[in-house]
């Protein structure tokens, strides 16, 4: 059984307390230079987790990732134009 997850980008002010974000979801990447964390949380608890994260003192902003909503299956109904450009 696969659990539906959603991505969050959490902008932080300091890296040390950002280690505590593990208790809210799975931390995928931490940027030391730009000070943000990419993490995944359960889709059912997304809104509650966002509200909780925004209350933390070291969090500037929380953004949702729209990667799940982007179409990744493409149609091949477009005619191939490579024969027009051959030499």
PDB file of N, CA and C in Angstrom:
ATOM      1  N   UNK A   1       0.838  -1.179   0.000  1.00  0.00           N
ATOM      2  CA  UNK A   1       0.000   0.000   0.000  1.00  0.00           C
ATOM      3  C   UNK A   1       0.883   1.241   0.000  1.00  0.00           C
ATOM      4  N   UNK A   2       0.682   2.076  -0.986  1.00  0.00           N
ATOM      5  CA  UNK A   2       1.454   3.308  -1.081  1.00  0.00           C
ATOM      6  C   UNK A   2       0.719   4.438  -0.370  1.00  0.00           C
ATOM      7  N   UNK A   3       1.478   5.199   0.379  1.00  0.00           N
ATOM      8  CA  UNK A   3       0.912   6.339   1.090  1.00  0.00           C
ATOM      9  C   UNK A   3       1.071   7.572   0.216  1.00  0.00           C
ATOM     10  N   UNK A   4       0.002   8.326   0.038  1.00  0.00           N
ATOM     11  CA  UNK A   4       0.057   9.567  -0.732  1.00  0.00           C
ATOM     12  C   UNK A   4       0.838  10.604   0.067  1.00  0.00           C
ATOM     13  N   UNK A   5       1.877  11.152  -0.562  1.00  0.00           N
ATOM     14  CA  UNK A   5       2.673  12.169   0.101  1.00  0.00           C
ATOM     15  C   UNK A   5       2.640  13.454  -0.715  1.00  0.00           C
ATOM     16  N   UNK A   6       2.913  14.536  -0.037  1.00  0.00           N
ATOM     17  CA  UNK A   6       2.974  15.826  -0.696  1.00  0.00           C
ATOM     18  C   UNK A   6       4.251  16.521  -0.247  1.00  0.00           C
ATOM     19  N   UNK A   7       4.847  17.295  -1.131  1.00  0.00           N
ATOM     20  CA  UNK A   7       6.106  17.958  -0.829  1.00  0.00           C
ATOM     21  C   UNK A   7       5.900  19.346  -0.261  1.00  0.00           C
ATOM     22  N   UNK A   8       6.801  19.742   0.619  1.00  0.00           N
ATOM     23  CA  UNK A   8       6.802  21.075   1.210  1.00  0.00           C
ATOM     24  C   UNK A   8       8.198  21.662   1.095  1.00  0.00           C
ATOM     25  N   UNK A   9       8.266  22.954   0.835  1.00  0.00           N
ATOM     26  CA  UNK A   9       9.519  23.693   0.885  1.00  0.00           C
ATOM     27  C   UNK A   9       9.409  24.621   2.079  1.00  0.00           C
ATOM     28  N   UNK A  10      10.293  24.424   3.045  1.00  0.00           N
ATOM     29  CA  UNK A  10      10.257  25.181   4.291  1.00  0.00           C
ATOM     30  C   UNK A  10      11.472  26.098   4.322  1.00  0.00           C
ATOM     31  N   UNK A  11      11.237  27.408   4.302  1.00  0.00           N
ATOM     32  CA  UNK A  11      12.309  28.390   4.378  1.00  0.00           C
ATOM     33  C   UNK A  11      12.617  28.633   5.850  1.00  0.00           C
ATOM     34  N   UNK A  12      13.885  28.529   6.218  1.00  0.00           N
ATOM     35  CA  UNK A  12      14.279  28.585   7.623  1.00  0.00           C
ATOM     36  C   UNK A  12      15.272  29.719   7.860  1.00  0.00           C
ATOM     37  N   UNK A  13      15.467  30.063   9.139  1.00  0.00           N
ATOM     38  CA  UNK A  13      16.427  31.105   9.491  1.00  0.00           C
ATOM     39  C   UNK A  13      17.735  30.533  10.006  1.00  0.00           C
ATOM     40  N   UNK A  14      17.723  29.287  10.506  1.00  0.00           N
ATOM     41  CA  UNK A  14      18.916  28.686  11.071  1.00  0.00           C
ATOM     42  C   UNK A  14      18.893  27.180  10.819  1.00  0.00           C
ATOM     43  N   UNK A  15      20.076  26.588  10.607  1.00  0.00           N
ATOM     44  CA  UNK A  15      20.136  25.174  10.286  1.00  0.00           C
ATOM     45  C   UNK A  15      20.022  24.264  11.505  1.00  0.00           C
ATOM     46  N   UNK A  16      20.549  24.696  12.636  1.00  0.00           N
ATOM     47  CA  UNK A  16      20.550  23.815  13.807  1.00  0.00           C
ATOM     48  C   UNK A  16      19.155  23.404  14.255  1.00  0.00           C
ATOM     49  N   UNK A  17      18.237  24.330  14.468  1.00  0.00           N
ATOM     50  CA  UNK A  17      16.899  23.874  14.872  1.00  0.00           C
ATOM     51  C   UNK A  17      16.129  23.201  13.737  1.00  0.00           C
ATOM     52  N   UNK A  18      16.622  23.327  12.507  1.00  0.00           N
ATOM     53  CA  UNK A  18      15.933  22.709  11.371  1.00  0.00           C
ATOM     54  C   UNK A  18      16.033  21.193  11.412  1.00  0.00           C
ATOM     55  N   UNK A  19      16.940  20.658  12.219  1.00  0.00           N
ATOM     56  CA  UNK A  19      17.023  19.209  12.379  1.00  0.00           C
ATOM     57  C   UNK A  19      15.751  18.651  13.012  1.00  0.00           C
ATOM     58  N   UNK A  20      15.033  19.485  13.737  1.00  0.00           N
ATOM     59  CA  UNK A  20      13.804  19.038  14.388  1.00  0.00           C
ATOM     60  C   UNK A  20      12.657  18.838  13.411  1.00  0.00           C
ATOM     61  N   UNK A  21      12.820  19.221  12.153  1.00  0.00           N
ATOM     62  CA  UNK A  21      11.756  19.039  11.161  1.00  0.00           C
ATOM     63  C   UNK A  21      11.518  17.567  10.835  1.00  0.00           C
ATOM     64  N   UNK A  22      12.440  16.702  11.219  1.00  0.00           N
ATOM     65  CA  UNK A  22      12.280  15.262  10.976  1.00  0.00           C
ATOM     66  C   UNK A  22      11.037  14.715  11.661  1.00  0.00           C
ATOM     67  N   UNK A  23      10.608  15.325  12.746  1.00  0.00           N
ATOM     68  CA  UNK A  23       9.451  14.795  13.466  1.00  0.00           C
ATOM     69  C   UNK A  23       8.134  15.114  12.765  1.00  0.00           C
ATOM     70  N   UNK A  24       8.149  16.002  11.774  1.00  0.00           N
ATOM     71  CA  UNK A  24       6.923  16.371  11.060  1.00  0.00           C
ATOM     72  C   UNK A  24       6.770  15.648   9.729  1.00  0.00           C
ATOM     73  N   UNK A  25       7.863  15.081   9.224  1.00  0.00           N
ATOM     74  CA  UNK A  25       7.815  14.377   7.946  1.00  0.00           C
ATOM     75  C   UNK A  25       9.204  13.900   7.555  1.00  0.00           C
ATOM     76  N   UNK A  26       9.346  13.461   6.336  1.00  0.00           N
ATOM     77  CA  UNK A  26      10.625  12.970   5.835  1.00  0.00           C
ATOM     78  C   UNK A  26      11.381  14.117   5.183  1.00  0.00           C
ATOM     79  N   UNK A  27      12.555  14.447   5.712  1.00  0.00           N
ATOM     80  CA  UNK A  27      13.383  15.511   5.139  1.00  0.00           C
ATOM     81  C   UNK A  27      14.154  14.915   3.975  1.00  0.00           C
ATOM     82  N   UNK A  28      13.976  15.490   2.800  1.00  0.00           N
ATOM     83  CA  UNK A  28      14.623  14.988   1.588  1.00  0.00           C
ATOM     84  C   UNK A  28      15.925  15.728   1.305  1.00  0.00           C
ATOM     85  N   UNK A  29      15.935  17.051   1.466  1.00  0.00           N
ATOM     86  CA  UNK A  29      17.114  17.851   1.135  1.00  0.00           C
ATOM     87  C   UNK A  29      17.150  19.087   2.023  1.00  0.00           C
ATOM     88  N   UNK A  30      18.356  19.476   2.424  1.00  0.00           N
ATOM     89  CA  UNK A  30      18.560  20.702   3.191  1.00  0.00           C
ATOM     90  C   UNK A  30      19.605  21.540   2.481  1.00  0.00           C
ATOM     91  N   UNK A  31      19.259  22.760   2.141  1.00  0.00           N
ATOM     92  CA  UNK A  31      20.191  23.668   1.490  1.00  0.00           C
ATOM     93  C   UNK A  31      20.854  24.539   2.546  1.00  0.00           C
ATOM     94  N   UNK A  32      22.167  24.423   2.654  1.00  0.00           N
ATOM     95  CA  UNK A  32      22.901  25.223   3.638  1.00  0.00           C
ATOM     96  C   UNK A  32      23.074  26.661   3.172  1.00  0.00           C
ATOM     97  N   UNK A  33      23.199  26.835   1.876  1.00  0.00           N
ATOM     98  CA  UNK A  33      23.450  28.170   1.340  1.00  0.00           C
ATOM     99  C   UNK A  33      22.185  29.026   1.309  1.00  0.00           C
ATOM    100  N   UNK A  34      21.086  28.471   0.795  1.00  0.00           N
ATOM    101  CA  UNK A  34      19.851  29.233   0.641  1.00  0.00           C
ATOM    102  C   UNK A  34      18.890  29.068   1.814  1.00  0.00           C
ATOM    103  N   UNK A  35      19.233  28.188   2.758  1.00  0.00           N
ATOM    104  CA  UNK A  35      18.462  27.977   3.982  1.00  0.00           C
ATOM    105  C   UNK A  35      17.009  27.583   3.709  1.00  0.00           C
ATOM    106  N   UNK A  36      16.842  26.442   3.051  1.00  0.00           N
ATOM    107  CA  UNK A  36      15.511  25.866   2.890  1.00  0.00           C
ATOM    108  C   UNK A  36      15.608  24.354   3.034  1.00  0.00           C
ATOM    109  N   UNK A  37      14.473  23.739   3.334  1.00  0.00           N
ATOM    110  CA  UNK A  37      14.394  22.293   3.513  1.00  0.00           C
ATOM    111  C   UNK A  37      13.268  21.776   2.631  1.00  0.00           C
ATOM    112  N   UNK A  38      13.540  20.721   1.877  1.00  0.00           N
ATOM    113  CA  UNK A  38      12.516  20.044   1.088  1.00  0.00           C
ATOM    114  C   UNK A  38      12.123  18.802   1.869  1.00  0.00           C
ATOM    115  N   UNK A  39      10.840  18.691   2.175  1.00  0.00           N
ATOM    116  CA  UNK A  39      10.380  17.552   2.956  1.00  0.00           C
ATOM    117  C   UNK A  39       9.058  17.034   2.416  1.00  0.00           C
ATOM    118  N   UNK A  40       8.768  15.784   2.755  1.00  0.00           N
ATOM    119  CA  UNK A  40       7.525  15.138   2.336  1.00  0.00           C
ATOM    120  C   UNK A  40       6.710  14.786   3.570  1.00  0.00           C
ATOM    121  N   UNK A  41       5.400  15.035   3.499  1.00  0.00           N
ATOM    122  CA  UNK A  41       4.483  14.724   4.596  1.00  0.00           C
ATOM    123  C   UNK A  41       3.295  13.949   4.020  1.00  0.00           C
ATOM    124  N   UNK A  42       2.540  13.292   4.899  1.00  0.00           N
ATOM    125  CA  UNK A  42       1.344  12.570   4.469  1.00  0.00           C
ATOM    126  C   UNK A  42       0.308  13.569   3.969  1.00  0.00           C
ATOM    127  N   UNK A  43      -0.333  13.224   2.879  1.00  0.00           N
ATOM    128  CA  UNK A  43      -1.276  14.136   2.243  1.00  0.00           C
ATOM    129  C   UNK A  43      -2.487  14.430   3.129  1.00  0.00           C
ATOM    130  N   UNK A  44      -2.889  13.456   3.963  1.00  0.00           N
ATOM    131  CA  UNK A  44      -4.052  13.673   4.827  1.00  0.00           C
ATOM    132  C   UNK A  44      -3.762  14.706   5.910  1.00  0.00           C
ATOM    133  N   UNK A  45      -2.509  14.785   6.356  1.00  0.00           N
ATOM    134  CA  UNK A  45      -2.148  15.702   7.437  1.00  0.00           C
ATOM    135  C   UNK A  45      -1.430  16.944   6.918  1.00  0.00           C
ATOM    136  N   UNK A  46      -1.570  17.262   5.647  1.00  0.00           N
ATOM    137  CA  UNK A  46      -0.827  18.359   5.036  1.00  0.00           C
ATOM    138  C   UNK A  46      -1.171  19.710   5.655  1.00  0.00           C
ATOM    139  N   UNK A  47      -2.448  20.039   5.736  1.00  0.00           N
ATOM    140  CA  UNK A  47      -2.858  21.357   6.246  1.00  0.00           C
ATOM    141  C   UNK A  47      -2.473  21.534   7.714  1.00  0.00           C
ATOM    142  N   UNK A  48      -2.638  20.482   8.510  1.00  0.00           N
ATOM    143  CA  UNK A  48      -2.255  20.570   9.924  1.00  0.00           C
ATOM    144  C   UNK A  48      -0.747  20.760  10.074  1.00  0.00           C
ATOM    145  N   UNK A  49       0.023  20.068   9.243  1.00  0.00           N
ATOM    146  CA  UNK A  49       1.478  20.179   9.316  1.00  0.00           C
ATOM    147  C   UNK A  49       1.934  21.568   8.898  1.00  0.00           C
ATOM    148  N   UNK A  50       1.309  22.146   7.876  1.00  0.00           N
ATOM    149  CA  UNK A  50       1.674  23.494   7.435  1.00  0.00           C
ATOM    150  C   UNK A  50       1.403  24.500   8.545  1.00  0.00           C
ATOM    151  N   UNK A  51       0.246  24.395   9.179  1.00  0.00           N
ATOM    152  CA  UNK A  51      -0.073  25.315  10.288  1.00  0.00           C
ATOM    153  C   UNK A  51       0.912  25.164  11.444  1.00  0.00           C
ATOM    154  N   UNK A  52       1.294  23.939  11.745  1.00  0.00           N
ATOM    155  CA  UNK A  52       2.234  23.690  12.830  1.00  0.00           C
ATOM    156  C   UNK A  52       3.616  24.243  12.498  1.00  0.00           C
ATOM    157  N   UNK A  53       4.049  24.045  11.256  1.00  0.00           N
ATOM    158  CA  UNK A  53       5.378  24.521  10.853  1.00  0.00           C
ATOM    159  C   UNK A  53       5.453  26.041  10.848  1.00  0.00           C
ATOM    160  N   UNK A  54       4.381  26.707  10.455  1.00  0.00           N
ATOM    161  CA  UNK A  54       4.391  28.162  10.405  1.00  0.00           C
ATOM    162  C   UNK A  54       4.505  28.786  11.788  1.00  0.00           C
ATOM    163  N   UNK A  55       4.119  28.059  12.827  1.00  0.00           N
ATOM    164  CA  UNK A  55       4.198  28.575  14.190  1.00  0.00           C
ATOM    165  C   UNK A  55       5.601  28.453  14.788  1.00  0.00           C
ATOM    166  N   UNK A  56       6.476  27.667  14.156  1.00  0.00           N
ATOM    167  CA  UNK A  56       7.817  27.478  14.698  1.00  0.00           C
ATOM    168  C   UNK A  56       8.636  28.763  14.555  1.00  0.00           C
ATOM    169  N   UNK A  57       9.461  29.094  15.533  1.00  0.00           N
ATOM    170  CA  UNK A  57      10.186  30.372  15.500  1.00  0.00           C
ATOM    171  C   UNK A  57      11.283  30.462  14.437  1.00  0.00           C
ATOM    172  N   UNK A  58      11.813  29.346  13.981  1.00  0.00           N
ATOM    173  CA  UNK A  58      12.898  29.357  13.006  1.00  0.00           C
ATOM    174  C   UNK A  58      12.410  29.176  11.569  1.00  0.00           C
ATOM    175  N   UNK A  59      11.107  29.179  11.345  1.00  0.00           N
ATOM    176  CA  UNK A  59      10.528  29.014  10.004  1.00  0.00           C
ATOM    177  C   UNK A  59      10.054  30.363   9.494  1.00  0.00           C
ATOM    178  N   UNK A  60      10.564  30.770   8.319  1.00  0.00           N
ATOM    179  CA  UNK A  60      10.127  32.021   7.689  1.00  0.00           C
ATOM    180  C   UNK A  60       8.835  31.834   6.905  1.00  0.00           C
ATOM    181  N   UNK A  61       8.838  30.798   6.041  1.00  0.00           N
ATOM    182  CA  UNK A  61       7.719  30.601   5.125  1.00  0.00           C
ATOM    183  C   UNK A  61       7.627  29.129   4.751  1.00  0.00           C
ATOM    184  N   UNK A  62       6.420  28.656   4.505  1.00  0.00           N
ATOM    185  CA  UNK A  62       6.180  27.274   4.078  1.00  0.00           C
ATOM    186  C   UNK A  62       5.437  27.321   2.754  1.00  0.00           C
ATOM    187  N   UNK A  63       5.973  26.630   1.740  1.00  0.00           N
ATOM    188  CA  UNK A  63       5.352  26.583   0.419  1.00  0.00           C
ATOM    189  C   UNK A  63       5.023  25.141   0.066  1.00  0.00           C
ATOM    190  N   UNK A  64       3.881  24.947  -0.589  1.00  0.00           N
ATOM    191  CA  UNK A  64       3.515  23.629  -1.110  1.00  0.00           C
ATOM    192  C   UNK A  64       4.217  23.362  -2.424  1.00  0.00           C
ATOM    193  N   UNK A  65       4.572  22.135  -2.655  1.00  0.00           N
ATOM    194  CA  UNK A  65       5.123  21.727  -3.928  1.00  0.00           C
ATOM    195  C   UNK A  65       3.983  21.222  -4.803  1.00  0.00           C
ATOM    196  N   UNK A  66       3.918  21.685  -6.025  1.00  0.00           N
ATOM    197  CA  UNK A  66       2.850  21.292  -6.944  1.00  0.00           C
ATOM    198  C   UNK A  66       3.318  20.212  -7.919  1.00  0.00           C
ATOM    199  N   UNK A  67       4.356  19.486  -7.561  1.00  0.00           N
ATOM    200  CA  UNK A  67       4.903  18.477  -8.451  1.00  0.00           C
ATOM    201  C   UNK A  67       3.907  17.348  -8.728  1.00  0.00           C
ATOM    202  N   UNK A  68       3.098  16.985  -7.750  1.00  0.00           N
ATOM    203  CA  UNK A  68       2.122  15.909  -7.949  1.00  0.00           C
ATOM    204  C   UNK A  68       1.030  16.291  -8.933  1.00  0.00           C
ATOM    205  N   UNK A  69       0.798  17.575  -9.112  1.00  0.00           N
ATOM    206  CA  UNK A  69      -0.280  18.035  -9.971  1.00  0.00           C
ATOM    207  C   UNK A  69       0.158  18.317 -11.412  1.00  0.00           C
ATOM    208  N   UNK A  70       1.443  18.229 -11.681  1.00  0.00           N
ATOM    209  CA  UNK A  70       1.957  18.477 -13.034  1.00  0.00           C
ATOM    210  C   UNK A  70       1.800  17.206 -13.869  1.00  0.00           C
ATOM    211  N   UNK A  71       1.346  17.382 -15.080  1.00  0.00           N
ATOM    212  CA  UNK A  71       1.145  16.251 -15.986  1.00  0.00           C
ATOM    213  C   UNK A  71       2.510  15.708 -16.423  1.00  0.00           C
ATOM    214  N   UNK A  72       2.744  14.417 -16.222  1.00  0.00           N
ATOM    215  CA  UNK A  72       4.032  13.820 -16.591  1.00  0.00           C
ATOM    216  C   UNK A  72       3.904  12.799 -17.714  1.00  0.00           C
ATOM    217  N   UNK A  73       2.691  12.541 -18.180  1.00  0.00           N
ATOM    218  CA  UNK A  73       2.490  11.634 -19.301  1.00  0.00           C
ATOM    219  C   UNK A  73       2.203  12.476 -20.543  1.00  0.00           C
ATOM    220  N   UNK A  74       2.994  12.275 -21.568  1.00  0.00           N
ATOM    221  CA  UNK A  74       2.904  13.115 -22.747  1.00  0.00           C
ATOM    222  C   UNK A  74       2.299  12.348 -23.917  1.00  0.00           C
ATOM    223  N   UNK A  75       1.609  13.072 -24.805  1.00  0.00           N
ATOM    224  CA  UNK A  75       1.018  12.461 -25.994  1.00  0.00           C
ATOM    225  C   UNK A  75       2.020  12.529 -27.139  1.00  0.00           C
ATOM    226  N   UNK A  76       1.994  11.521 -27.982  1.00  0.00           N
ATOM    227  CA  UNK A  76       2.879  11.517 -29.143  1.00  0.00           C
ATOM    228  C   UNK A  76       2.075  11.705 -30.422  1.00  0.00           C
ATOM    229  N   UNK A  77       1.015  12.483 -30.370  1.00  0.00           N
ATOM    230  CA  UNK A  77       0.155  12.715 -31.532  1.00  0.00           C
ATOM    231  C   UNK A  77       0.716  13.800 -32.451  1.00  0.00           C
ATOM    232  N   UNK A  78       1.749  14.479 -32.041  1.00  0.00           N
ATOM    233  CA  UNK A  78       2.348  15.539 -32.853  1.00  0.00           C
ATOM    234  C   UNK A  78       3.182  14.894 -33.960  1.00  0.00           C
ATOM    235  N   UNK A  79       3.026  15.324 -35.204  1.00  0.00           N
ATOM    236  CA  UNK A  79       3.807  14.715 -36.291  1.00  0.00           C
ATOM    237  C   UNK A  79       5.296  15.015 -36.135  1.00  0.00           C
ATOM    238  N   UNK A  80       6.099  14.072 -36.576  1.00  0.00           N
ATOM    239  CA  UNK A  80       7.549  14.200 -36.474  1.00  0.00           C
ATOM    240  C   UNK A  80       8.048  15.153 -37.562  1.00  0.00           C
ATOM    241  N   UNK A  81       8.714  16.231 -37.171  1.00  0.00           N
ATOM    242  CA  UNK A  81       9.180  17.239 -38.113  1.00  0.00           C
ATOM    243  C   UNK A  81      10.659  17.091 -38.461  1.00  0.00           C
ATOM    244  N   UNK A  82      11.301  16.035 -38.037  1.00  0.00           N
ATOM    245  CA  UNK A  82      12.727  15.888 -38.279  1.00  0.00           C
ATOM    246  C   UNK A  82      13.039  15.672 -39.766  1.00  0.00           C
ATOM    247  N   UNK A  83      12.129  15.103 -40.520  1.00  0.00           N
ATOM    248  CA  UNK A  83      12.419  14.879 -41.950  1.00  0.00           C
ATOM    249  C   UNK A  83      12.440  16.190 -42.733  1.00  0.00           C
ATOM    250  N   UNK A  84      11.819  17.254 -42.223  1.00  0.00           N
ATOM    251  CA  UNK A  84      11.849  18.546 -42.901  1.00  0.00           C
ATOM    252  C   UNK A  84      13.177  19.269 -42.710  1.00  0.00           C
ATOM    253  N   UNK A  85      13.903  18.897 -41.661  1.00  0.00           N
ATOM    254  CA  UNK A  85      15.141  19.603 -41.345  1.00  0.00           C
ATOM    255  C   UNK A  85      16.373  18.819 -41.726  1.00  0.00           C
ATOM    256  N   UNK A  86      16.236  17.704 -42.390  1.00  0.00           N
ATOM    257  CA  UNK A  86      17.419  16.921 -42.771  1.00  0.00           C
ATOM    258  C   UNK A  86      18.103  17.535 -43.983  1.00  0.00           C
ATOM    259  N   UNK A  87      19.386  17.254 -44.129  1.00  0.00           N
ATOM    260  CA  UNK A  87      20.160  17.820 -45.238  1.00  0.00           C
ATOM    261  C   UNK A  87      20.114  16.983 -46.454  1.00  0.00           C
TER     262      UNK A  87
END
